[in-house]
Protein backbone atom coordinates (compact mmCIF):
# COMPACT_ATOMS: atom_id res chain seq x y z
CA MET A 1 -12.20 -11.97 10.23
CA SER A 2 -12.91 -13.11 6.68
CA ALA A 3 -10.58 -15.68 5.13
CA VAL A 4 -8.08 -14.32 2.61
CA ARG A 5 -7.50 -16.35 -0.52
CA SER A 6 -3.95 -17.44 -1.28
CA LEU A 7 -1.88 -15.58 -3.84
CA HIS A 8 -1.89 -18.69 -6.04
CA ALA A 9 -5.71 -18.81 -5.96
CA ARG A 10 -5.99 -15.08 -6.70
CA VAL A 11 -3.71 -15.32 -9.72
CA ALA A 12 -5.46 -18.51 -10.90
CA VAL A 13 -8.90 -16.86 -10.71
CA LEU A 14 -7.62 -13.75 -12.50
CA LEU A 15 -6.00 -15.81 -15.24
CA LEU A 16 -9.10 -17.94 -15.58
CA PHE A 17 -11.16 -14.80 -16.07
CA VAL A 18 -8.72 -13.29 -18.57
CA LEU A 19 -8.20 -16.47 -20.56
CA GLY A 20 -11.92 -17.24 -20.43
CA SER A 21 -12.74 -13.78 -21.76
CA VAL A 22 -10.15 -14.05 -24.52
CA GLY A 23 -11.33 -17.59 -25.35
CA ALA A 24 -14.95 -16.44 -25.49
CA CYS A 25 -14.00 -13.61 -27.86
CA PHE A 26 -12.11 -16.03 -30.11
CA ALA A 27 -15.03 -18.47 -30.00
CA VAL A 28 -17.50 -15.76 -31.07
CA ALA A 29 -15.10 -14.61 -33.79
CA GLY A 30 -14.65 -18.24 -34.95
CA TRP A 31 -18.41 -18.77 -35.06
CA TYR A 32 -18.90 -15.58 -37.07
CA TYR A 33 -16.15 -16.32 -39.56
CA ALA A 34 -17.37 -19.92 -39.93
CA TRP A 35 -20.76 -18.64 -41.11
CA VAL A 36 -19.10 -16.06 -43.36
CA THR A 37 -16.75 -18.67 -44.86
CA ALA A 38 -19.49 -21.26 -45.43
CA GLY A 39 -21.81 -18.67 -46.96
CA SER A 40 -19.07 -17.29 -49.19
CA ALA A 41 -18.12 -20.78 -50.44
CA HIS A 42 -21.70 -21.75 -51.28
CA ASP A 43 -22.42 -18.36 -52.84
CA THR A 44 -19.42 -18.89 -55.10
CA LEU A 45 -20.80 -22.27 -56.19
CA LEU A 46 -24.21 -20.69 -56.71
CA ARG A 47 -22.73 -17.93 -58.92
CA TYR A 48 -20.84 -20.54 -60.91
CA GLY A 49 -24.04 -22.53 -61.45
CA ALA A 50 -25.94 -19.45 -62.64
CA SER A 51 -23.11 -18.52 -65.01
CA GLN A 52 -23.00 -22.05 -66.45
CA ILE A 53 -26.75 -22.09 -67.08
CA ALA A 54 -26.52 -18.63 -68.67
CA GLU A 55 -23.74 -19.84 -70.97
CA ASN A 56 -25.90 -22.81 -72.00
CA THR A 57 -28.85 -20.56 -72.88
CA TYR A 58 -29.06 -19.52 -76.54
CA GLN A 59 -31.56 -18.38 -79.13
CA GLN A 60 -32.71 -20.86 -81.78
CA GLY A 61 -34.77 -19.00 -84.31
CA ALA A 62 -37.67 -17.39 -82.51
CA MET A 63 -37.28 -19.71 -79.56
CA VAL A 64 -34.91 -19.63 -76.55
CA ALA A 65 -33.26 -22.99 -75.83
CA VAL A 66 -31.61 -24.04 -72.51
CA GLU A 67 -29.28 -26.93 -71.83
CA PRO A 68 -28.68 -26.87 -68.05
CA PRO A 69 -25.36 -28.43 -66.95
CA VAL A 70 -26.33 -31.53 -65.00
CA SER A 71 -23.01 -31.78 -63.13
CA VAL A 72 -23.34 -28.27 -61.73
CA LEU A 73 -26.91 -28.83 -60.54
CA ALA A 74 -25.88 -32.15 -59.03
CA SER A 75 -23.07 -30.52 -57.04
CA LEU A 76 -25.49 -27.94 -55.68
CA SER A 77 -28.17 -30.47 -54.77
CA ALA A 78 -26.02 -32.90 -52.75
CA MET A 79 -27.66 -31.78 -49.46
CA ASP A 80 -30.08 -29.09 -50.63
CA ARG A 81 -33.04 -28.56 -52.89
CA VAL A 82 -32.09 -26.63 -56.01
CA ALA A 83 -34.31 -24.75 -58.43
CA TYR A 84 -33.59 -22.62 -61.46
CA LYS A 85 -35.54 -20.45 -63.85
CA VAL A 86 -34.79 -18.96 -67.26
CA VAL A 87 -36.92 -16.04 -68.51
CA ASP A 88 -36.62 -14.91 -72.13
CA PRO A 89 -36.60 -11.26 -73.20
CA ARG A 90 -40.41 -11.31 -73.49
CA GLY A 91 -40.74 -12.28 -69.81
CA VAL A 92 -41.81 -15.83 -70.49
CA VAL A 93 -40.37 -18.66 -68.36
CA VAL A 94 -38.80 -21.00 -70.88
CA ALA A 95 -37.14 -23.46 -68.43
CA GLY A 96 -37.07 -24.30 -64.73
CA SER A 97 -39.53 -23.56 -61.93
CA PRO A 98 -42.01 -20.80 -62.69
CA ASP A 99 -42.80 -20.41 -58.94
CA LEU A 100 -39.25 -19.24 -58.12
CA ALA A 101 -40.01 -15.65 -57.18
CA LEU A 102 -37.45 -12.89 -57.48
CA GLY A 103 -37.42 -9.57 -55.74
CA PRO A 104 -37.76 -6.28 -57.63
CA GLU A 105 -34.61 -5.10 -59.30
CA THR A 106 -33.16 -1.71 -58.55
CA PRO A 107 -31.65 0.40 -61.36
CA ARG A 108 -28.20 -0.35 -60.00
CA GLU A 109 -28.86 -4.09 -60.03
CA GLN A 110 -30.18 -3.85 -63.57
CA ALA A 111 -27.01 -2.06 -64.64
CA LEU A 112 -24.85 -4.71 -63.00
CA LEU A 113 -26.84 -7.50 -64.60
CA ARG A 114 -26.42 -5.84 -68.01
CA GLN A 115 -22.64 -6.04 -67.42
CA GLY A 116 -22.82 -9.82 -66.96
CA ARG A 117 -22.38 -9.69 -63.19
CA VAL A 118 -23.95 -12.35 -60.95
CA LEU A 119 -25.94 -11.04 -57.99
CA VAL A 120 -26.86 -13.13 -54.93
CA GLU A 121 -29.84 -12.36 -52.71
CA ASP A 122 -32.00 -13.98 -50.04
CA GLY A 123 -35.40 -15.35 -50.94
CA VAL A 124 -38.10 -17.91 -50.15
CA TRP A 125 -39.07 -20.85 -52.34
CA ARG A 126 -41.90 -23.16 -51.43
CA GLY A 127 -41.77 -22.05 -47.79
CA GLU A 128 -38.02 -22.48 -47.31
CA PRO A 129 -35.36 -19.76 -47.08
CA VAL A 130 -33.01 -19.88 -50.05
CA ARG A 131 -30.11 -18.01 -51.58
CA ILE A 132 -30.72 -16.99 -55.21
CA ALA A 133 -28.04 -16.19 -57.78
CA VAL A 134 -29.30 -13.99 -60.65
CA THR A 135 -27.53 -13.12 -63.91
CA THR A 136 -28.45 -12.17 -67.51
CA ARG A 137 -27.47 -13.16 -71.02
CA ARG A 138 -27.77 -11.08 -74.17
CA LEU A 139 -30.04 -12.73 -76.74
CA GLY A 140 -30.51 -10.70 -79.91
CA GLU A 141 -32.11 -7.38 -79.03
CA GLY A 142 -33.07 -8.39 -75.48
CA TRP A 143 -31.84 -9.92 -72.26
CA ALA A 144 -32.64 -13.34 -70.89
CA LEU A 145 -32.67 -13.66 -67.08
CA VAL A 146 -31.24 -16.74 -65.33
CA ALA A 147 -31.88 -17.48 -61.62
CA VAL A 148 -30.59 -20.41 -59.52
CA ALA A 149 -31.85 -20.99 -55.95
CA GLN A 150 -30.45 -23.27 -53.24
CA THR A 151 -31.73 -24.02 -49.74
CA LEU A 152 -29.41 -23.40 -46.73
CA HIS A 153 -28.90 -26.91 -45.32
CA ALA A 154 -25.41 -27.53 -46.73
CA ARG A 155 -24.02 -24.14 -45.82
CA THR A 156 -25.49 -24.38 -42.30
CA ALA A 157 -23.88 -27.79 -41.80
CA LEU A 158 -20.54 -26.50 -43.08
CA ALA A 159 -20.69 -23.40 -40.85
CA ARG A 160 -21.46 -25.49 -37.78
CA ASP A 161 -18.66 -27.90 -38.56
CA ILE A 162 -16.11 -25.12 -38.99
CA ALA A 163 -17.37 -23.27 -35.89
CA GLY A 164 -17.34 -26.41 -33.75
CA LYS A 165 -13.78 -27.24 -34.71
CA ALA A 166 -12.70 -23.64 -34.12
CA ILE A 167 -14.34 -23.50 -30.70
CA LEU A 168 -12.84 -26.86 -29.77
CA GLY A 169 -9.41 -25.56 -30.76
CA VAL A 170 -9.93 -22.39 -28.71
CA LEU A 171 -10.98 -24.41 -25.66
CA LEU A 172 -7.97 -26.69 -25.97
CA LEU A 173 -5.57 -23.78 -26.37
CA THR A 174 -7.18 -21.91 -23.46
CA GLY A 175 -6.92 -24.96 -21.24
CA LEU A 176 -3.30 -25.56 -22.18
CA ALA A 177 -2.47 -21.89 -21.63
CA LEU A 178 -4.16 -21.93 -18.21
CA LEU A 179 -2.35 -25.12 -17.22
CA ALA A 180 1.01 -23.80 -18.40
CA THR A 181 0.43 -20.50 -16.60
CA LEU A 182 -0.53 -22.23 -13.33
CA LEU A 183 2.62 -24.33 -13.52
CA ALA A 184 4.65 -21.18 -14.18
CA ILE A 185 3.02 -19.44 -11.21
CA LYS A 186 3.82 -22.37 -8.96
CA HIS A 187 7.42 -22.24 -10.11
CA VAL A 188 7.58 -18.46 -9.65
CA LEU A 189 6.09 -18.62 -6.14
CA ALA A 190 8.43 -21.42 -5.06
CA PRO A 191 10.86 -18.95 -3.36
CA LEU A 192 8.00 -17.69 -1.19
CA LYS A 193 7.33 -21.29 -0.15
CA GLN A 194 11.01 -21.60 0.76
CA VAL A 195 10.76 -18.47 2.91
CA GLN A 196 7.61 -19.87 4.54
CA ASP A 197 9.29 -23.20 5.30
CA ALA A 198 12.40 -21.48 6.64
CA LEU A 199 10.30 -19.36 9.02
CA ARG A 200 8.10 -22.26 10.07
CA GLU A 201 11.03 -24.57 10.86
CA ARG A 202 13.02 -21.91 12.70
CA ASP A 203 13.45 -21.95 16.46
CA PRO A 204 11.36 -19.15 18.06
CA ARG A 205 14.49 -17.82 19.77
CA ASP A 206 16.48 -17.66 16.52
CA LEU A 207 16.27 -14.13 15.08
CA SER A 208 19.28 -14.40 12.77
CA PRO A 209 18.93 -13.51 9.03
CA LEU A 210 17.20 -16.01 6.76
CA ALA A 211 19.52 -18.27 4.77
CA VAL A 212 17.33 -18.42 1.64
CA ALA A 213 18.52 -17.92 -1.94
CA ALA A 214 15.88 -15.67 -3.43
CA PRO A 215 15.54 -13.89 -6.80
CA PRO A 216 15.75 -10.08 -6.82
CA GLU A 217 11.96 -9.69 -6.66
CA ILE A 218 11.78 -11.77 -3.45
CA ALA A 219 15.11 -10.55 -2.04
CA ALA A 220 13.45 -7.27 -1.02
CA LEU A 221 10.89 -9.20 1.04
CA VAL A 222 13.59 -11.37 2.61
CA GLY A 223 15.59 -8.23 3.38
CA ALA A 224 12.56 -6.62 5.02
CA ILE A 225 11.98 -9.75 7.14
CA ASP A 226 15.67 -9.83 8.13
CA GLY A 227 15.55 -6.13 9.02
CA PHE A 228 12.42 -6.62 11.10
CA MET A 229 13.96 -9.58 12.95
CA ALA A 230 17.13 -7.56 13.59
CA ARG A 231 15.06 -4.72 15.07
CA LEU A 232 13.03 -7.23 17.06
CA ASP A 233 16.23 -8.84 18.33
CA ARG A 234 17.54 -5.46 19.46
CA ARG A 235 14.22 -4.59 21.07
CA ILE A 236 14.03 -7.92 22.91
CA GLY A 237 17.62 -7.49 24.04
CA MET A 238 16.82 -4.02 25.34
CA MET A 239 13.72 -5.31 27.11
CA GLN A 240 15.66 -8.17 28.70
CA ARG A 241 18.37 -5.79 29.89
CA MET A 242 15.71 -3.36 31.07
CA ILE A 243 13.89 -6.08 33.05
CA GLY A 244 17.13 -7.30 34.58
CA ASP A 245 18.29 -3.82 35.50
CA ALA A 246 14.84 -2.90 36.81
CA ALA A 247 14.74 -6.01 38.99
CA HIS A 248 18.16 -5.14 40.38
CA GLN A 249 17.24 -1.50 40.93
CA ILE A 250 13.97 -2.37 42.67
CA ARG A 251 15.56 -5.11 44.75
CA THR A 252 18.09 -2.69 46.28
CA PRO A 253 15.59 -0.21 47.84
CA LEU A 254 13.29 -3.07 48.84
CA ALA A 255 16.18 -4.78 50.67
CA GLY A 256 17.09 -1.51 52.35
CA LEU A 257 13.47 -0.89 53.26
CA ALA A 258 13.13 -4.37 54.78
CA SER A 259 16.34 -3.83 56.75
CA GLN A 260 15.12 -0.49 58.09
CA VAL A 261 11.80 -2.06 59.11
CA ASP A 262 13.63 -4.84 60.96
CA LEU A 263 15.80 -2.31 62.79
CA LEU A 264 12.75 -0.23 63.63
CA SER A 265 10.97 -3.22 65.12
CA VAL A 266 13.76 -3.76 67.72
CA GLU A 267 14.75 -0.13 68.27
CA GLY A 268 13.65 1.26 71.63
CA ASP A 269 15.30 4.68 71.57
CA PRO A 270 12.76 7.29 70.33
CA ALA A 271 15.47 9.39 68.64
CA ARG A 272 16.80 6.42 66.73
CA ARG A 273 13.28 5.31 65.86
CA ALA A 274 12.67 8.75 64.36
CA THR A 275 15.88 8.40 62.35
CA GLN A 276 14.80 4.98 61.13
CA LEU A 277 11.39 6.34 60.13
CA ARG A 278 13.05 9.11 58.09
CA ARG A 279 15.21 6.53 56.35
CA ILE A 280 12.15 4.38 55.62
CA ALA A 281 10.37 7.42 54.18
CA ALA A 282 13.42 8.20 52.02
CA ARG A 283 13.60 4.59 50.79
CA THR A 284 9.89 4.63 50.04
CA GLU A 285 10.21 7.89 48.10
CA GLN A 286 13.17 6.49 46.18
CA LEU A 287 11.20 3.34 45.34
CA GLY A 288 8.15 5.34 44.25
CA ARG A 289 10.31 7.58 42.05
CA LEU A 290 11.93 4.52 40.48
CA VAL A 291 8.58 2.88 39.74
CA GLY A 292 7.30 6.12 38.26
CA GLN A 293 10.33 6.43 36.01
CA LEU A 294 9.97 2.83 34.90
CA PHE A 295 6.36 3.49 33.97
CA ASN A 296 7.28 6.70 32.14
CA HIS A 297 10.06 4.92 30.25
CA ALA A 298 7.68 2.18 29.12
CA MET A 299 5.10 4.79 28.13
CA VAL A 300 7.39 6.99 26.03
CA THR A 301 8.94 3.92 24.39
CA HIS A 302 5.63 2.82 22.85
CA ARG A 303 3.62 6.06 22.49
CA PRO A 304 5.32 7.30 19.25
CA ASP A 305 4.24 4.07 17.52
CA VAL A 306 0.53 4.48 18.31
CA VAL A 307 -0.09 8.23 18.83
CA PRO A 308 -0.34 10.43 15.71
CA PRO A 309 1.84 13.57 15.87
CA GLU A 310 0.31 16.95 16.54
CA PRO A 311 1.76 20.49 16.72
CA VAL A 312 3.52 21.16 20.05
CA ASP A 313 4.79 24.59 21.11
CA LEU A 314 8.08 24.13 22.97
CA VAL A 315 7.88 27.67 24.40
CA ALA A 316 4.51 27.04 26.04
CA LEU A 317 5.63 23.55 27.10
CA ALA A 318 8.77 24.83 28.84
CA ARG A 319 6.87 27.67 30.52
CA ARG A 320 4.21 25.29 31.83
CA ILE A 321 6.81 22.86 33.21
CA LEU A 322 8.63 25.62 35.10
CA LEU A 323 5.40 27.05 36.48
CA ASP A 324 4.27 23.60 37.65
CA LEU A 325 7.43 22.96 39.66
CA PRO A 326 6.87 22.69 43.43
CA GLU A 327 7.78 25.72 45.50
CA GLY A 328 11.45 25.95 46.44
CA ASP A 329 12.87 26.13 49.95
CA GLY A 330 13.35 29.87 50.29
CA ALA A 331 16.77 31.30 49.48
CA ALA A 332 18.24 27.81 49.06
CA ALA A 333 16.24 27.19 45.88
CA PRO A 334 17.99 27.93 42.55
CA LEU A 335 16.84 30.84 40.43
CA LEU A 336 14.63 29.62 37.54
CA SER A 337 14.37 31.49 34.25
CA LEU A 338 13.04 30.98 30.74
CA ASP A 339 14.75 32.52 27.73
CA ALA A 340 12.34 32.12 24.82
CA PRO A 341 10.98 34.15 21.88
CA GLU A 342 7.48 35.56 21.75
CA GLU A 343 6.78 33.49 18.64
CA PRO A 344 5.88 29.83 19.20
CA ALA A 345 8.47 27.17 18.40
CA ILE A 346 6.25 24.47 16.89
CA VAL A 347 7.40 20.87 16.46
CA PRO A 348 5.32 17.88 15.32
CA GLY A 349 5.10 15.22 18.01
CA ASP A 350 3.41 13.74 21.04
CA PRO A 351 2.88 16.43 23.71
CA ILE A 352 2.85 13.93 26.59
CA SER A 353 6.15 12.32 25.58
CA LEU A 354 7.83 15.68 24.95
CA ARG A 355 6.60 17.03 28.28
CA GLU A 356 7.98 13.94 30.04
CA ALA A 357 11.37 14.38 28.35
CA VAL A 358 11.72 18.07 29.24
CA SER A 359 10.40 17.48 32.79
CA ASN A 360 13.06 14.81 33.35
CA LEU A 361 15.81 17.16 32.19
CA VAL A 362 14.60 19.97 34.46
CA ASN A 363 14.20 17.64 37.46
CA ASN A 364 17.64 16.10 36.86
CA ALA A 365 19.18 19.56 36.78
CA LEU A 366 17.40 20.55 40.01
CA GLN A 367 18.33 17.35 41.86
CA HIS A 368 21.88 16.80 40.65
CA GLY A 369 23.14 19.97 39.02
CA ALA A 370 21.79 23.45 39.67
CA ALA A 371 23.47 25.17 42.58
CA SER A 372 21.97 28.64 42.24
CA ARG A 373 20.72 28.97 38.64
CA LEU A 374 18.66 26.90 36.18
CA GLU A 375 17.73 28.38 32.81
CA VAL A 376 15.60 26.87 30.03
CA ARG A 377 16.26 28.35 26.58
CA VAL A 378 14.09 27.83 23.51
CA PHE A 379 15.02 29.14 20.07
CA ARG A 380 14.98 28.20 16.40
CA GLN A 381 18.06 27.19 14.46
CA GLY A 382 17.47 26.83 10.75
CA GLY A 383 14.45 24.59 10.33
CA ASP A 384 14.86 23.03 13.80
CA ALA A 385 13.62 23.97 17.24
CA VAL A 386 16.21 23.83 20.04
CA LEU A 387 15.59 23.56 23.79
CA GLU A 388 18.49 23.89 26.26
CA VAL A 389 18.43 23.16 29.98
CA VAL A 390 21.40 25.02 31.50
CA ASP A 391 22.53 24.94 35.14
CA ASP A 392 25.57 26.10 37.10
CA GLY A 393 26.26 22.70 38.67
CA PRO A 394 29.24 20.40 38.12
CA GLY A 395 27.58 18.71 35.15
CA ILE A 396 28.34 15.27 33.75
CA PRO A 397 31.94 14.29 32.97
CA PRO A 398 32.48 13.99 29.18
CA THR A 399 33.62 10.39 29.63
CA LEU A 400 30.08 9.50 30.75
CA TRP A 401 28.15 11.38 28.05
CA ALA A 402 27.60 8.21 26.00
CA ARG A 403 26.74 5.98 28.98
CA VAL A 404 24.17 8.26 30.60
CA ARG A 405 21.85 7.82 27.60
CA GLU A 406 21.35 4.18 28.62
CA PRO A 407 18.89 3.18 31.37
CA PHE A 408 20.20 2.71 34.94
CA HIS A 409 23.56 4.37 34.36
CA PRO A 410 24.18 7.01 37.06
CA ARG A 411 25.69 10.31 35.96
CA GLY A 412 28.70 10.08 38.23
CA GLU A 413 30.02 9.00 41.55
CA GLY A 414 27.95 9.93 44.57
CA ARG A 415 24.77 10.50 42.48
CA THR A 416 21.59 8.82 43.63
CA GLY A 417 18.74 7.70 41.44
CA ALA A 418 18.13 5.04 38.85
CA GLY A 419 19.58 6.94 35.91
CA LEU A 420 16.40 6.84 33.79
CA GLY A 421 15.80 10.55 33.26
CA LEU A 422 18.27 11.11 30.42
CA ALA A 423 17.43 7.70 28.93
CA ILE A 424 13.75 8.74 28.73
CA ALA A 425 14.64 12.10 27.16
CA ASP A 426 16.98 10.49 24.61
CA GLU A 427 14.34 7.86 23.69
CA VAL A 428 11.68 10.54 23.14
CA VAL A 429 13.93 12.82 21.09
CA ARG A 430 15.10 10.00 18.81
CA ALA A 431 11.50 8.85 18.31
CA HIS A 432 10.72 12.41 17.11
CA GLY A 433 13.63 12.45 14.66
CA GLY A 434 15.78 14.73 16.82
CA SER A 435 18.97 14.49 18.87
CA LEU A 436 20.17 14.96 22.45
CA ARG A 437 23.66 16.28 23.17
CA PHE A 438 25.65 17.91 25.95
CA ARG A 439 27.76 21.07 26.29
CA SER A 440 30.06 22.02 29.14
CA ASP A 441 31.14 25.67 29.33
CA SER A 442 32.87 27.15 32.35
CA ALA A 443 31.28 30.53 31.69
CA ASP A 444 27.76 29.43 30.77
CA GLY A 445 27.45 26.18 32.75
CA PHE A 446 26.46 22.65 31.82
CA ALA A 447 23.72 22.29 29.18
CA VAL A 448 21.59 19.43 27.90
CA ILE A 449 20.45 20.32 24.39
CA LEU A 450 17.40 18.91 22.57
CA THR A 451 17.14 19.51 18.81
CA LEU A 452 13.85 18.67 17.11
CA PRO A 453 12.60 19.14 13.51
CA GLY A 454 10.37 22.19 13.64
CA ILE A 455 7.41 23.58 11.68
CA GLY A 456 5.90 27.04 11.60
CA ALA A 457 7.41 30.52 11.82
CA GLY A 458 10.13 31.57 14.21
CA PRO A 459 13.13 33.88 14.61
CA VAL A 460 15.74 34.28 11.91
CA PRO A 461 17.32 30.85 11.30
CA GLY A 462 20.57 30.39 13.17
CA GLN A 463 20.12 33.50 15.33
CA ARG A 464 19.52 33.29 19.08
CA PRO A 465 16.35 35.18 20.02
CA ALA A 466 16.85 38.44 21.86
CA THR A 467 14.21 38.19 24.53
CA GLY A 468 14.00 39.20 28.11
CA SER A 469 16.14 36.95 30.26
CA GLY A 470 15.82 36.26 33.90
CA PRO A 471 12.78 35.65 36.05
CA ALA A 472 10.46 38.07 34.29
CA SER A 473 10.28 35.82 31.23
CA LEU A 474 8.44 33.11 33.17
CA ALA A 475 5.19 35.06 33.06
CA GLU A 476 2.51 33.38 30.93
CA PRO A 477 1.27 35.37 27.91
CA ALA A 478 -2.09 36.04 29.56
CA ARG A 479 -0.51 37.17 32.86
CA GLU A 480 1.49 40.31 33.60
CA GLU A 481 3.09 39.42 36.96
CA SER A 482 6.80 38.54 36.91
CA ALA A 483 8.30 35.31 38.16
CA ALA A 484 9.54 37.15 41.18
CA ALA A 485 5.89 37.49 42.22
CA LEU A 486 5.30 33.75 41.79
CA PRO A 487 5.91 32.00 45.09
CA GLY A 488 8.72 29.46 45.18
CA ARG A 489 10.49 30.56 42.00
CA ARG A 490 13.67 31.07 43.98
């Protein structure tokens, strides 16, 4: 399993990326504007120099005289080489460097120059890149052209100085922002550290709520942990009670079985030995049934958490359970019937758990309730599917209806068994979002009713299905024989 970085490290890396990206953007922007600012400043000085030379150019008779301002040229040449050229209206260079070449002028540039504007362009002078400011001055009937060129050393140095300081400022601000943010994150995550320390220092047997003052954003997490520990506490309590009750329930038949074996070992009368053997067989059957119910209870308790739900037809499930029952003992067996619609009653769930729940209800009714009649009814009620197991036996007293849902609580006096059947059914139904309840009616009999959320089509909501009642309804859809023809159905 790969290691998972801490939340603090994740946020730190994310912030480092975000702040680094923002800092890089500001650094690039600072570098760009540094070059623009330095170039603009030196171009302004260059324009001023060209204008000053143009103002000091005048016509003296037939000649053009130039008095270049020394202070201006000195300010331009502090770190750079500076050249200028003055061309009279005849095209003759009257002052400056004749080798200062100018590019061809466009009509627009000529018009601007005629208006006294100063234009700046790139050029090359004696093998070095330069910036050249060009302007004109009206002399008599013509125009004199003035050009001033400056190399790029000073502006490059200024741009680098501005850019360096800007980048240094960005780096400092980014670092301070990252440090402040990390400190803020540490402060924000402090409640999680408190929860961690509280859980780490807690006794493993202590499942009480956490005593941690947490902000609203963390309170939901603390509440979820407290809820989980409360559920875990209830589950552990149930398991402990279940283990204790199971040990007691298993110990009783084992003690009886050991006693019967001891009596059998000293019994000499064949008739009494046969009686002892029958008692041993009964104890063994009781023990096997108890172990099977314990296994089924453990299975249905955990299956809903790990098995995805699938569509289950309660009609087909009830029919299959009744058909799989062992053959009855002739006329002494109760009459079995299924009252169900032709349409399926589909519920989402685990078919194995639901089958175990319904089987336990049917077996309980056969062993402890049904005297002459046991009927399973399936119908739809609104959006739910309902399954009833009805028998004509004495039923469970209403005072015990709440207790019989718990494991190892017998249904009444004189009843044998561990009392797990209804507990299994109730556990399964609640895991499927349904309910288990009881009804006692002197005319209809005692009924255990399962209500489950249903899906799919069915009879009119709230209306009991009008289907064939009695033994004939046990026939499977693909078979035409009635239940009366099925051996052992009475």
